Amino acid sequence: ELKCQIMEELRKPGCSEIRDGKVLFHN
């Protein structure tokens, strides 16, 4: 459940942006 939540969170705008098919984490 935690893994599922983290993977979902990592795709959200608060963590990352999706650009050209890539997931780019706000670092």
mmCIF file of all heavy atoms, coordinates in Angstrom:
data_MODEL
# 
_entry.id   MODEL 
# 
loop_
_atom_site.group_PDB 
_atom_site.id 
_atom_site.type_symbol 
_atom_site.label_atom_id 
_atom_site.label_alt_id 
_atom_site.label_comp_id 
_atom_site.label_asym_id 
_atom_site.label_entity_id 
_atom_site.label_seq_id 
_atom_site.pdbx_PDB_ins_code 
_atom_site.Cartn_x 
_atom_site.Cartn_y 
_atom_site.Cartn_z 
_atom_site.occupancy 
_atom_site.B_iso_or_equiv 
_atom_site.pdbx_formal_charge 
_atom_site.auth_seq_id 
_atom_site.auth_comp_id 
_atom_site.auth_asym_id 
_atom_site.auth_atom_id 
_atom_site.pdbx_PDB_model_num 
ATOM 1   N N   . GLU A 1 1  ? 0.837  -1.210 0.000   1.00 0.00 ? 1  GLU A N   1 
ATOM 2   C CA  . GLU A 1 1  ? 0.000  0.000  0.000   1.00 0.00 ? 1  GLU A CA  1 
ATOM 3   C C   . GLU A 1 1  ? 0.868  1.256  0.000   1.00 0.00 ? 1  GLU A C   1 
ATOM 4   O O   . GLU A 1 1  ? 0.595  2.212  -0.724  1.00 0.00 ? 1  GLU A O   1 
ATOM 5   C CB  . GLU A 1 1  ? -0.924 0.002  1.222   1.00 0.00 ? 1  GLU A CB  1 
ATOM 6   C CG  . GLU A 1 1  ? -1.924 1.158  1.191   1.00 0.00 ? 1  GLU A CG  1 
ATOM 7   C CD  . GLU A 1 1  ? -2.829 1.201  2.423   1.00 0.00 ? 1  GLU A CD  1 
ATOM 8   O OE1 . GLU A 1 1  ? -2.767 0.257  3.235   1.00 0.00 ? 1  GLU A OE1 1 
ATOM 9   O OE2 . GLU A 1 1  ? -3.565 2.178  2.558   1.00 0.00 ? 1  GLU A OE2 1 
ATOM 10  N N   . LEU A 1 2  ? 1.941  1.245  0.818   1.00 0.00 ? 2  LEU A N   1 
ATOM 11  C CA  . LEU A 1 2  ? 2.839  2.395  0.876   1.00 0.00 ? 2  LEU A CA  1 
ATOM 12  C C   . LEU A 1 2  ? 3.536  2.584  -0.475  1.00 0.00 ? 2  LEU A C   1 
ATOM 13  O O   . LEU A 1 2  ? 3.622  3.707  -0.985  1.00 0.00 ? 2  LEU A O   1 
ATOM 14  C CB  . LEU A 1 2  ? 3.883  2.206  1.978   1.00 0.00 ? 2  LEU A CB  1 
ATOM 15  C CG  . LEU A 1 2  ? 4.969  3.300  2.060   1.00 0.00 ? 2  LEU A CG  1 
ATOM 16  C CD1 . LEU A 1 2  ? 4.351  4.651  2.413   1.00 0.00 ? 2  LEU A CD1 1 
ATOM 17  C CD2 . LEU A 1 2  ? 6.037  2.927  3.096   1.00 0.00 ? 2  LEU A CD2 1 
ATOM 18  N N   . LYS A 1 3  ? 4.003  1.489  -1.057  1.00 0.00 ? 3  LYS A N   1 
ATOM 19  C CA  . LYS A 1 3  ? 4.678  1.579  -2.347  1.00 0.00 ? 3  LYS A CA  1 
ATOM 20  C C   . LYS A 1 3  ? 3.738  2.174  -3.398  1.00 0.00 ? 3  LYS A C   1 
ATOM 21  O O   . LYS A 1 3  ? 4.134  3.042  -4.187  1.00 0.00 ? 3  LYS A O   1 
ATOM 22  C CB  . LYS A 1 3  ? 5.166  0.201  -2.790  1.00 0.00 ? 3  LYS A CB  1 
ATOM 23  C CG  . LYS A 1 3  ? 5.964  0.251  -4.092  1.00 0.00 ? 3  LYS A CG  1 
ATOM 24  C CD  . LYS A 1 3  ? 6.346  -1.126 -4.590  1.00 0.00 ? 3  LYS A CD  1 
ATOM 25  C CE  . LYS A 1 3  ? 6.986  -1.014 -5.965  1.00 0.00 ? 3  LYS A CE  1 
ATOM 26  N NZ  . LYS A 1 3  ? 7.262  -2.321 -6.563  1.00 0.00 ? 3  LYS A NZ  1 
ATOM 27  N N   . CYS A 1 4  ? 2.497  1.726  -3.402  1.00 0.00 ? 4  CYS A N   1 
ATOM 28  C CA  . CYS A 1 4  ? 1.506  2.223  -4.349  1.00 0.00 ? 4  CYS A CA  1 
ATOM 29  C C   . CYS A 1 4  ? 1.280  3.724  -4.156  1.00 0.00 ? 4  CYS A C   1 
ATOM 30  O O   . CYS A 1 4  ? 1.218  4.494  -5.126  1.00 0.00 ? 4  CYS A O   1 
ATOM 31  C CB  . CYS A 1 4  ? 0.200  1.450  -4.161  1.00 0.00 ? 4  CYS A CB  1 
ATOM 32  S SG  . CYS A 1 4  ? -1.050 1.854  -5.381  1.00 0.00 ? 4  CYS A SG  1 
ATOM 33  N N   . GLN A 1 5  ? 1.172  4.146  -2.902  1.00 0.00 ? 5  GLN A N   1 
ATOM 34  C CA  . GLN A 1 5  ? 0.955  5.568  -2.595  1.00 0.00 ? 5  GLN A CA  1 
ATOM 35  C C   . GLN A 1 5  ? 2.146  6.424  -3.048  1.00 0.00 ? 5  GLN A C   1 
ATOM 36  O O   . GLN A 1 5  ? 1.965  7.509  -3.618  1.00 0.00 ? 5  GLN A O   1 
ATOM 37  C CB  . GLN A 1 5  ? 0.736  5.749  -1.089  1.00 0.00 ? 5  GLN A CB  1 
ATOM 38  C CG  . GLN A 1 5  ? -0.591 5.219  -0.593  1.00 0.00 ? 5  GLN A CG  1 
ATOM 39  C CD  . GLN A 1 5  ? -0.701 5.259  0.926   1.00 0.00 ? 5  GLN A CD  1 
ATOM 40  O OE1 . GLN A 1 5  ? 0.302  5.370  1.632   1.00 0.00 ? 5  GLN A OE1 1 
ATOM 41  N NE2 . GLN A 1 5  ? -1.916 5.143  1.434   1.00 0.00 ? 5  GLN A NE2 1 
ATOM 42  N N   . ILE A 1 6  ? 3.359  5.924  -2.782  1.00 0.00 ? 6  ILE A N   1 
ATOM 43  C CA  . ILE A 1 6  ? 4.569  6.666  -3.165  1.00 0.00 ? 6  ILE A CA  1 
ATOM 44  C C   . ILE A 1 6  ? 4.654  6.797  -4.682  1.00 0.00 ? 6  ILE A C   1 
ATOM 45  O O   . ILE A 1 6  ? 4.927  7.889  -5.216  1.00 0.00 ? 6  ILE A O   1 
ATOM 46  C CB  . ILE A 1 6  ? 5.840  5.962  -2.611  1.00 0.00 ? 6  ILE A CB  1 
ATOM 47  C CG1 . ILE A 1 6  ? 5.877  6.004  -1.085  1.00 0.00 ? 6  ILE A CG1 1 
ATOM 48  C CG2 . ILE A 1 6  ? 7.099  6.603  -3.203  1.00 0.00 ? 6  ILE A CG2 1 
ATOM 49  C CD1 . ILE A 1 6  ? 6.043  7.369  -0.468  1.00 0.00 ? 6  ILE A CD1 1 
ATOM 50  N N   . MET A 1 7  ? 4.425  5.712  -5.384  1.00 0.00 ? 7  MET A N   1 
ATOM 51  C CA  . MET A 1 7  ? 4.515  5.742  -6.843  1.00 0.00 ? 7  MET A CA  1 
ATOM 52  C C   . MET A 1 7  ? 3.491  6.719  -7.428  1.00 0.00 ? 7  MET A C   1 
ATOM 53  O O   . MET A 1 7  ? 3.776  7.440  -8.385  1.00 0.00 ? 7  MET A O   1 
ATOM 54  C CB  . MET A 1 7  ? 4.289  4.335  -7.428  1.00 0.00 ? 7  MET A CB  1 
ATOM 55  C CG  . MET A 1 7  ? 5.297  3.294  -6.956  1.00 0.00 ? 7  MET A CG  1 
ATOM 56  S SD  . MET A 1 7  ? 7.017  3.782  -7.183  1.00 0.00 ? 7  MET A SD  1 
ATOM 57  C CE  . MET A 1 7  ? 7.196  3.612  -8.954  1.00 0.00 ? 7  MET A CE  1 
ATOM 58  N N   . GLU A 1 8  ? 2.329  6.752  -6.822  1.00 0.00 ? 8  GLU A N   1 
ATOM 59  C CA  . GLU A 1 8  ? 1.278  7.672  -7.274  1.00 0.00 ? 8  GLU A CA  1 
ATOM 60  C C   . GLU A 1 8  ? 1.676  9.118  -6.971  1.00 0.00 ? 8  GLU A C   1 
ATOM 61  O O   . GLU A 1 8  ? 1.525  10.006 -7.815  1.00 0.00 ? 8  GLU A O   1 
ATOM 62  C CB  . GLU A 1 8  ? -0.037 7.311  -6.570  1.00 0.00 ? 8  GLU A CB  1 
ATOM 63  C CG  . GLU A 1 8  ? -1.255 8.040  -7.120  1.00 0.00 ? 8  GLU A CG  1 
ATOM 64  C CD  . GLU A 1 8  ? -2.543 7.610  -6.422  1.00 0.00 ? 8  GLU A CD  1 
ATOM 65  O OE1 . GLU A 1 8  ? -2.687 6.404  -6.138  1.00 0.00 ? 8  GLU A OE1 1 
ATOM 66  O OE2 . GLU A 1 8  ? -3.376 8.488  -6.167  1.00 0.00 ? 8  GLU A OE2 1 
ATOM 67  N N   . GLU A 1 9  ? 2.209  9.323  -5.769  1.00 0.00 ? 9  GLU A N   1 
ATOM 68  C CA  . GLU A 1 9  ? 2.613  10.677 -5.354  1.00 0.00 ? 9  GLU A CA  1 
ATOM 69  C C   . GLU A 1 9  ? 3.715  11.228 -6.254  1.00 0.00 ? 9  GLU A C   1 
ATOM 70  O O   . GLU A 1 9  ? 3.735  12.413 -6.594  1.00 0.00 ? 9  GLU A O   1 
ATOM 71  C CB  . GLU A 1 9  ? 3.096  10.637 -3.899  1.00 0.00 ? 9  GLU A CB  1 
ATOM 72  C CG  . GLU A 1 9  ? 3.250  12.005 -3.248  1.00 0.00 ? 9  GLU A CG  1 
ATOM 73  C CD  . GLU A 1 9  ? 1.921  12.694 -3.019  1.00 0.00 ? 9  GLU A CD  1 
ATOM 74  O OE1 . GLU A 1 9  ? 0.970  12.033 -2.577  1.00 0.00 ? 9  GLU A OE1 1 
ATOM 75  O OE2 . GLU A 1 9  ? 1.838  13.912 -3.296  1.00 0.00 ? 9  GLU A OE2 1 
ATOM 76  N N   . LEU A 1 10 ? 4.660  10.364 -6.621  1.00 0.00 ? 10 LEU A N   1 
ATOM 77  C CA  . LEU A 1 10 ? 5.804  10.801 -7.424  1.00 0.00 ? 10 LEU A CA  1 
ATOM 78  C C   . LEU A 1 10 ? 5.399  11.322 -8.800  1.00 0.00 ? 10 LEU A C   1 
ATOM 79  O O   . LEU A 1 10 ? 6.135  12.081 -9.427  1.00 0.00 ? 10 LEU A O   1 
ATOM 80  C CB  . LEU A 1 10 ? 6.805  9.649  -7.584  1.00 0.00 ? 10 LEU A CB  1 
ATOM 81  C CG  . LEU A 1 10 ? 7.654  9.326  -6.358  1.00 0.00 ? 10 LEU A CG  1 
ATOM 82  C CD1 . LEU A 1 10 ? 8.460  8.057  -6.576  1.00 0.00 ? 10 LEU A CD1 1 
ATOM 83  C CD2 . LEU A 1 10 ? 8.581  10.493 -6.012  1.00 0.00 ? 10 LEU A CD2 1 
ATOM 84  N N   . ARG A 1 11 ? 4.218  10.934 -9.262  1.00 0.00 ? 11 ARG A N   1 
ATOM 85  C CA  . ARG A 1 11 ? 3.742  11.393 -10.571 1.00 0.00 ? 11 ARG A CA  1 
ATOM 86  C C   . ARG A 1 11 ? 2.968  12.716 -10.472 1.00 0.00 ? 11 ARG A C   1 
ATOM 87  O O   . ARG A 1 11 ? 2.713  13.359 -11.486 1.00 0.00 ? 11 ARG A O   1 
ATOM 88  C CB  . ARG A 1 11 ? 2.824  10.345 -11.196 1.00 0.00 ? 11 ARG A CB  1 
ATOM 89  C CG  . ARG A 1 11 ? 3.554  9.159  -11.822 1.00 0.00 ? 11 ARG A CG  1 
ATOM 90  C CD  . ARG A 1 11 ? 2.551  8.259  -12.519 1.00 0.00 ? 11 ARG A CD  1 
ATOM 91  N NE  . ARG A 1 11 ? 3.205  7.193  -13.272 1.00 0.00 ? 11 ARG A NE  1 
ATOM 92  C CZ  . ARG A 1 11 ? 3.644  7.326  -14.519 1.00 0.00 ? 11 ARG A CZ  1 
ATOM 93  N NH1 . ARG A 1 11 ? 3.517  8.471  -15.151 1.00 0.00 ? 11 ARG A NH1 1 
ATOM 94  N NH2 . ARG A 1 11 ? 4.220  6.299  -15.134 1.00 0.00 ? 11 ARG A NH2 1 
ATOM 95  N N   . LYS A 1 12 ? 2.577  13.088 -9.254  1.00 0.00 ? 12 LYS A N   1 
ATOM 96  C CA  . LYS A 1 12 ? 1.732  14.281 -9.083  1.00 0.00 ? 12 LYS A CA  1 
ATOM 97  C C   . LYS A 1 12 ? 2.548  15.565 -9.247  1.00 0.00 ? 12 LYS A C   1 
ATOM 98  O O   . LYS A 1 12 ? 3.767  15.582 -9.027  1.00 0.00 ? 12 LYS A O   1 
ATOM 99  C CB  . LYS A 1 12 ? 1.064  14.251 -7.707  1.00 0.00 ? 12 LYS A CB  1 
ATOM 100 C CG  . LYS A 1 12 ? -0.001 13.168 -7.567  1.00 0.00 ? 12 LYS A CG  1 
ATOM 101 C CD  . LYS A 1 12 ? -0.628 13.213 -6.187  1.00 0.00 ? 12 LYS A CD  1 
ATOM 102 C CE  . LYS A 1 12 ? -1.695 12.149 -6.008  1.00 0.00 ? 12 LYS A CE  1 
ATOM 103 N NZ  . LYS A 1 12 ? -2.253 12.165 -4.636  1.00 0.00 ? 12 LYS A NZ  1 
ATOM 104 N N   . PRO A 1 13 ? 1.864  16.689 -9.606  1.00 0.00 ? 13 PRO A N   1 
ATOM 105 C CA  . PRO A 1 13 ? 2.559  17.969 -9.824  1.00 0.00 ? 13 PRO A CA  1 
ATOM 106 C C   . PRO A 1 13 ? 3.362  18.458 -8.622  1.00 0.00 ? 13 PRO A C   1 
ATOM 107 O O   . PRO A 1 13 ? 4.343  19.171 -8.782  1.00 0.00 ? 13 PRO A O   1 
ATOM 108 C CB  . PRO A 1 13 ? 1.404  18.937 -10.138 1.00 0.00 ? 13 PRO A CB  1 
ATOM 109 C CG  . PRO A 1 13 ? 0.319  18.065 -10.675 1.00 0.00 ? 13 PRO A CG  1 
ATOM 110 C CD  . PRO A 1 13 ? 0.431  16.771 -9.937  1.00 0.00 ? 13 PRO A CD  1 
ATOM 111 N N   . GLY A 1 14 ? 2.972  18.071 -7.403  1.00 0.00 ? 14 GLY A N   1 
ATOM 112 C CA  . GLY A 1 14 ? 3.719  18.494 -6.226  1.00 0.00 ? 14 GLY A CA  1 
ATOM 113 C C   . GLY A 1 14 ? 5.122  17.915 -6.169  1.00 0.00 ? 14 GLY A C   1 
ATOM 114 O O   . GLY A 1 14 ? 6.018  18.474 -5.549  1.00 0.00 ? 14 GLY A O   1 
ATOM 115 N N   . CYS A 1 15 ? 5.307  16.759 -6.845  1.00 0.00 ? 15 CYS A N   1 
ATOM 116 C CA  . CYS A 1 15 ? 6.610  16.091 -6.841  1.00 0.00 ? 15 CYS A CA  1 
ATOM 117 C C   . CYS A 1 15 ? 7.330  16.205 -8.180  1.00 0.00 ? 15 CYS A C   1 
ATOM 118 O O   . CYS A 1 15 ? 8.548  16.377 -8.216  1.00 0.00 ? 15 CYS A O   1 
ATOM 119 C CB  . CYS A 1 15 ? 6.444  14.612 -6.504  1.00 0.00 ? 15 CYS A CB  1 
ATOM 120 S SG  . CYS A 1 15 ? 6.348  14.260 -4.742  1.00 0.00 ? 15 CYS A SG  1 
ATOM 121 N N   . SER A 1 16 ? 6.583  16.060 -9.262  1.00 0.00 ? 16 SER A N   1 
ATOM 122 C CA  . SER A 1 16 ? 7.229  15.931 -10.573 1.00 0.00 ? 16 SER A CA  1 
ATOM 123 C C   . SER A 1 16 ? 6.400  16.598 -11.663 1.00 0.00 ? 16 SER A C   1 
ATOM 124 O O   . SER A 1 16 ? 5.259  17.021 -11.438 1.00 0.00 ? 16 SER A O   1 
ATOM 125 C CB  . SER A 1 16 ? 7.412  14.451 -10.938 1.00 0.00 ? 16 SER A CB  1 
ATOM 126 O OG  . SER A 1 16 ? 8.095  13.746 -9.925  1.00 0.00 ? 16 SER A OG  1 
ATOM 127 N N   . GLU A 1 17 ? 6.988  16.660 -12.831 1.00 0.00 ? 17 GLU A N   1 
ATOM 128 C CA  . GLU A 1 17 ? 6.234  17.034 -14.024 1.00 0.00 ? 17 GLU A CA  1 
ATOM 129 C C   . GLU A 1 17 ? 6.501  15.989 -15.102 1.00 0.00 ? 17 GLU A C   1 
ATOM 130 O O   . GLU A 1 17 ? 7.579  15.384 -15.145 1.00 0.00 ? 17 GLU A O   1 
ATOM 131 C CB  . GLU A 1 17 ? 6.612  18.432 -14.517 1.00 0.00 ? 17 GLU A CB  1 
ATOM 132 C CG  . GLU A 1 17 ? 8.026  18.578 -15.037 1.00 0.00 ? 17 GLU A CG  1 
ATOM 133 C CD  . GLU A 1 17 ? 8.291  19.979 -15.587 1.00 0.00 ? 17 GLU A CD  1 
ATOM 134 O OE1 . GLU A 1 17 ? 8.688  20.849 -14.784 1.00 0.00 ? 17 GLU A OE1 1 
ATOM 135 O OE2 . GLU A 1 17 ? 8.105  20.182 -16.797 1.00 0.00 ? 17 GLU A OE2 1 
ATOM 136 N N   . ILE A 1 18 ? 5.483  15.757 -15.922 1.00 0.00 ? 18 ILE A N   1 
ATOM 137 C CA  . ILE A 1 18 ? 5.624  14.804 -17.023 1.00 0.00 ? 18 ILE A CA  1 
ATOM 138 C C   . ILE A 1 18 ? 5.947  15.616 -18.279 1.00 0.00 ? 18 ILE A C   1 
ATOM 139 O O   . ILE A 1 18 ? 5.191  16.508 -18.653 1.00 0.00 ? 18 ILE A O   1 
ATOM 140 C CB  . ILE A 1 18 ? 4.324  14.006 -17.257 1.00 0.00 ? 18 ILE A CB  1 
ATOM 141 C CG1 . ILE A 1 18 ? 3.754  13.492 -15.936 1.00 0.00 ? 18 ILE A CG1 1 
ATOM 142 C CG2 . ILE A 1 18 ? 4.574  12.877 -18.240 1.00 0.00 ? 18 ILE A CG2 1 
ATOM 143 C CD1 . ILE A 1 18 ? 4.579  12.470 -15.216 1.00 0.00 ? 18 ILE A CD1 1 
ATOM 144 N N   . ARG A 1 19 ? 7.100  15.317 -18.879 1.00 0.00 ? 19 ARG A N   1 
ATOM 145 C CA  . ARG A 1 19 ? 7.512  16.063 -20.075 1.00 0.00 ? 19 ARG A CA  1 
ATOM 146 C C   . ARG A 1 19 ? 8.139  15.102 -21.086 1.00 0.00 ? 19 ARG A C   1 
ATOM 147 O O   . ARG A 1 19 ? 9.067  14.370 -20.748 1.00 0.00 ? 19 ARG A O   1 
ATOM 148 C CB  . ARG A 1 19 ? 8.507  17.154 -19.696 1.00 0.00 ? 19 ARG A CB  1 
ATOM 149 C CG  . ARG A 1 19 ? 8.749  18.191 -20.809 1.00 0.00 ? 19 ARG A CG  1 
ATOM 150 C CD  . ARG A 1 19 ? 9.983  19.024 -20.541 1.00 0.00 ? 19 ARG A CD  1 
ATOM 151 N NE  . ARG A 1 19 ? 10.009 19.616 -19.221 1.00 0.00 ? 19 ARG A NE  1 
ATOM 152 C CZ  . ARG A 1 19 ? 11.142 20.038 -18.630 1.00 0.00 ? 19 ARG A CZ  1 
ATOM 153 N NH1 . ARG A 1 19 ? 12.314 19.905 -19.243 1.00 0.00 ? 19 ARG A NH1 1 
ATOM 154 N NH2 . ARG A 1 19 ? 11.106 20.576 -17.425 1.00 0.00 ? 19 ARG A NH2 1 
ATOM 155 N N   . ASP A 1 20 ? 7.616  15.127 -22.311 1.00 0.00 ? 20 ASP A N   1 
ATOM 156 C CA  . ASP A 1 20 ? 8.120  14.252 -23.384 1.00 0.00 ? 20 ASP A CA  1 
ATOM 157 C C   . ASP A 1 20 ? 8.166  12.786 -22.951 1.00 0.00 ? 20 ASP A C   1 
ATOM 158 O O   . ASP A 1 20 ? 9.121  12.050 -23.246 1.00 0.00 ? 20 ASP A O   1 
ATOM 159 C CB  . ASP A 1 20 ? 9.531  14.701 -23.831 1.00 0.00 ? 20 ASP A CB  1 
ATOM 160 C CG  . ASP A 1 20 ? 9.543  16.122 -24.363 1.00 0.00 ? 20 ASP A CG  1 
ATOM 161 O OD1 . ASP A 1 20 ? 8.532  16.529 -24.963 1.00 0.00 ? 20 ASP A OD1 1 
ATOM 162 O OD2 . ASP A 1 20 ? 10.558 16.817 -24.160 1.00 0.00 ? 20 ASP A OD2 1 
ATOM 163 N N   . GLY A 1 21 ? 7.135  12.392 -22.212 1.00 0.00 ? 21 GLY A N   1 
ATOM 164 C CA  . GLY A 1 21 ? 7.061  10.996 -21.786 1.00 0.00 ? 21 GLY A CA  1 
ATOM 165 C C   . GLY A 1 21 ? 7.947  10.648 -20.608 1.00 0.00 ? 21 GLY A C   1 
ATOM 166 O O   . GLY A 1 21 ? 7.997  9.491  -20.183 1.00 0.00 ? 21 GLY A O   1 
ATOM 167 N N   . LYS A 1 22 ? 8.652  11.635 -20.066 1.00 0.00 ? 22 LYS A N   1 
ATOM 168 C CA  . LYS A 1 22 ? 9.538  11.399 -18.922 1.00 0.00 ? 22 LYS A CA  1 
ATOM 169 C C   . LYS A 1 22 ? 8.936  11.976 -17.642 1.00 0.00 ? 22 LYS A C   1 
ATOM 170 O O   . LYS A 1 22 ? 8.221  12.976 -17.687 1.00 0.00 ? 22 LYS A O   1 
ATOM 171 C CB  . LYS A 1 22 ? 10.910 12.030 -19.168 1.00 0.00 ? 22 LYS A CB  1 
ATOM 172 C CG  . LYS A 1 22 ? 11.689 11.375 -20.301 1.00 0.00 ? 22 LYS A CG  1 
ATOM 173 C CD  . LYS A 1 22 ? 13.042 12.030 -20.467 1.00 0.00 ? 22 LYS A CD  1 
ATOM 174 C CE  . LYS A 1 22 ? 13.850 11.339 -21.562 1.00 0.00 ? 22 LYS A CE  1 
ATOM 175 N NZ  . LYS A 1 22 ? 15.174 11.965 -21.755 1.00 0.00 ? 22 LYS A NZ  1 
ATOM 176 N N   . VAL A 1 23 ? 9.240  11.333 -16.519 1.00 0.00 ? 23 VAL A N   1 
ATOM 177 C CA  . VAL A 1 23 ? 8.821  11.844 -15.209 1.00 0.00 ? 23 VAL A CA  1 
ATOM 178 C C   . VAL A 1 23 ? 10.022 12.569 -14.601 1.00 0.00 ? 23 VAL A C   1 
ATOM 179 O O   . VAL A 1 23 ? 11.044 11.944 -14.285 1.00 0.00 ? 23 VAL A O   1 
ATOM 180 C CB  . VAL A 1 23 ? 8.354  10.703 -14.275 1.00 0.00 ? 23 VAL A CB  1 
ATOM 181 C CG1 . VAL A 1 23 ? 7.828  11.288 -12.963 1.00 0.00 ? 23 VAL A CG1 1 
ATOM 182 C CG2 . VAL A 1 23 ? 7.286  9.850  -14.954 1.00 0.00 ? 23 VAL A CG2 1 
ATOM 183 N N   . LEU A 1 24 ? 9.905  13.896 -14.471 1.00 0.00 ? 24 LEU A N   1 
ATOM 184 C CA  . LEU A 1 24 ? 11.016 14.720 -13.980 1.00 0.00 ? 24 LEU A CA  1 
ATOM 185 C C   . LEU A 1 24 ? 10.700 15.226 -12.572 1.00 0.00 ? 24 LEU A C   1 
ATOM 186 O O   . LEU A 1 24 ? 9.817  16.059 -12.379 1.00 0.00 ? 24 LEU A O   1 
ATOM 187 C CB  . LEU A 1 24 ? 11.276 15.889 -14.931 1.00 0.00 ? 24 LEU A CB  1 
ATOM 188 C CG  . LEU A 1 24 ? 11.585 15.498 -16.391 1.00 0.00 ? 24 LEU A CG  1 
ATOM 189 C CD1 . LEU A 1 24 ? 11.746 16.740 -17.248 1.00 0.00 ? 24 LEU A CD1 1 
ATOM 190 C CD2 . LEU A 1 24 ? 12.838 14.623 -16.462 1.00 0.00 ? 24 LEU A CD2 1 
ATOM 191 N N   . PHE A 1 25 ? 11.415 14.690 -11.616 1.00 0.00 ? 25 PHE A N   1 
ATOM 192 C CA  . PHE A 1 25 ? 11.231 15.038 -10.201 1.00 0.00 ? 25 PHE A CA  1 
ATOM 193 C C   . PHE A 1 25 ? 11.759 16.446 -9.934  1.00 0.00 ? 25 PHE A C   1 
ATOM 194 O O   . PHE A 1 25 ? 12.832 16.818 -10.400 1.00 0.00 ? 25 PHE A O   1 
ATOM 195 C CB  . PHE A 1 25 ? 11.989 14.018 -9.346  1.00 0.00 ? 25 PHE A CB  1 
ATOM 196 C CG  . PHE A 1 25 ? 11.807 14.168 -7.862  1.00 0.00 ? 25 PHE A CG  1 
ATOM 197 C CD1 . PHE A 1 25 ? 10.632 13.782 -7.247  1.00 0.00 ? 25 PHE A CD1 1 
ATOM 198 C CD2 . PHE A 1 25 ? 12.830 14.684 -7.072  1.00 0.00 ? 25 PHE A CD2 1 
ATOM 199 C CE1 . PHE A 1 25 ? 10.472 13.901 -5.875  1.00 0.00 ? 25 PHE A CE1 1 
ATOM 200 C CE2 . PHE A 1 25 ? 12.681 14.812 -5.701  1.00 0.00 ? 25 PHE A CE2 1 
ATOM 201 C CZ  . PHE A 1 25 ? 11.490 14.416 -5.100  1.00 0.00 ? 25 PHE A CZ  1 
ATOM 202 N N   . HIS A 1 26 ? 10.989 17.238 -9.171  1.00 0.00 ? 26 HIS A N   1 
ATOM 203 C CA  . HIS A 1 26 ? 11.427 18.593 -8.809  1.00 0.00 ? 26 HIS A CA  1 
ATOM 204 C C   . HIS A 1 26 ? 12.533 18.490 -7.759  1.00 0.00 ? 26 HIS A C   1 
ATOM 205 O O   . HIS A 1 26 ? 12.271 18.227 -6.588  1.00 0.00 ? 26 HIS A O   1 
ATOM 206 C CB  . HIS A 1 26 ? 10.254 19.417 -8.242  1.00 0.00 ? 26 HIS A CB  1 
ATOM 207 C CG  . HIS A 1 26 ? 9.122  19.588 -9.205  1.00 0.00 ? 26 HIS A CG  1 
ATOM 208 N ND1 . HIS A 1 26 ? 9.300  20.031 -10.489 1.00 0.00 ? 26 HIS A ND1 1 
ATOM 209 C CD2 . HIS A 1 26 ? 7.788  19.372 -9.056  1.00 0.00 ? 26 HIS A CD2 1 
ATOM 210 C CE1 . HIS A 1 26 ? 8.125  20.080 -11.104 1.00 0.00 ? 26 HIS A CE1 1 
ATOM 211 N NE2 . HIS A 1 26 ? 7.198  19.676 -10.269 1.00 0.00 ? 26 HIS A NE2 1 
ATOM 212 N N   . ASN A 1 27 ? 13.759 18.687 -8.204  1.00 0.00 ? 27 ASN A N   1 
ATOM 213 C CA  . ASN A 1 27 ? 14.932 18.463 -7.358  1.00 0.00 ? 27 ASN A CA  1 
ATOM 214 C C   . ASN A 1 27 ? 15.591 19.787 -6.939  1.00 0.00 ? 27 ASN A C   1 
ATOM 215 O O   . ASN A 1 27 ? 16.784 19.816 -6.653  1.00 0.00 ? 27 ASN A O   1 
ATOM 216 C CB  . ASN A 1 27 ? 15.934 17.595 -8.142  1.00 0.00 ? 27 ASN A CB  1 
ATOM 217 C CG  . ASN A 1 27 ? 17.065 17.066 -7.286  1.00 0.00 ? 27 ASN A CG  1 
ATOM 218 O OD1 . ASN A 1 27 ? 16.844 16.595 -6.176  1.00 0.00 ? 27 ASN A OD1 1 
ATOM 219 N ND2 . ASN A 1 27 ? 18.281 17.167 -7.785  1.00 0.00 ? 27 ASN A ND2 1 
# 
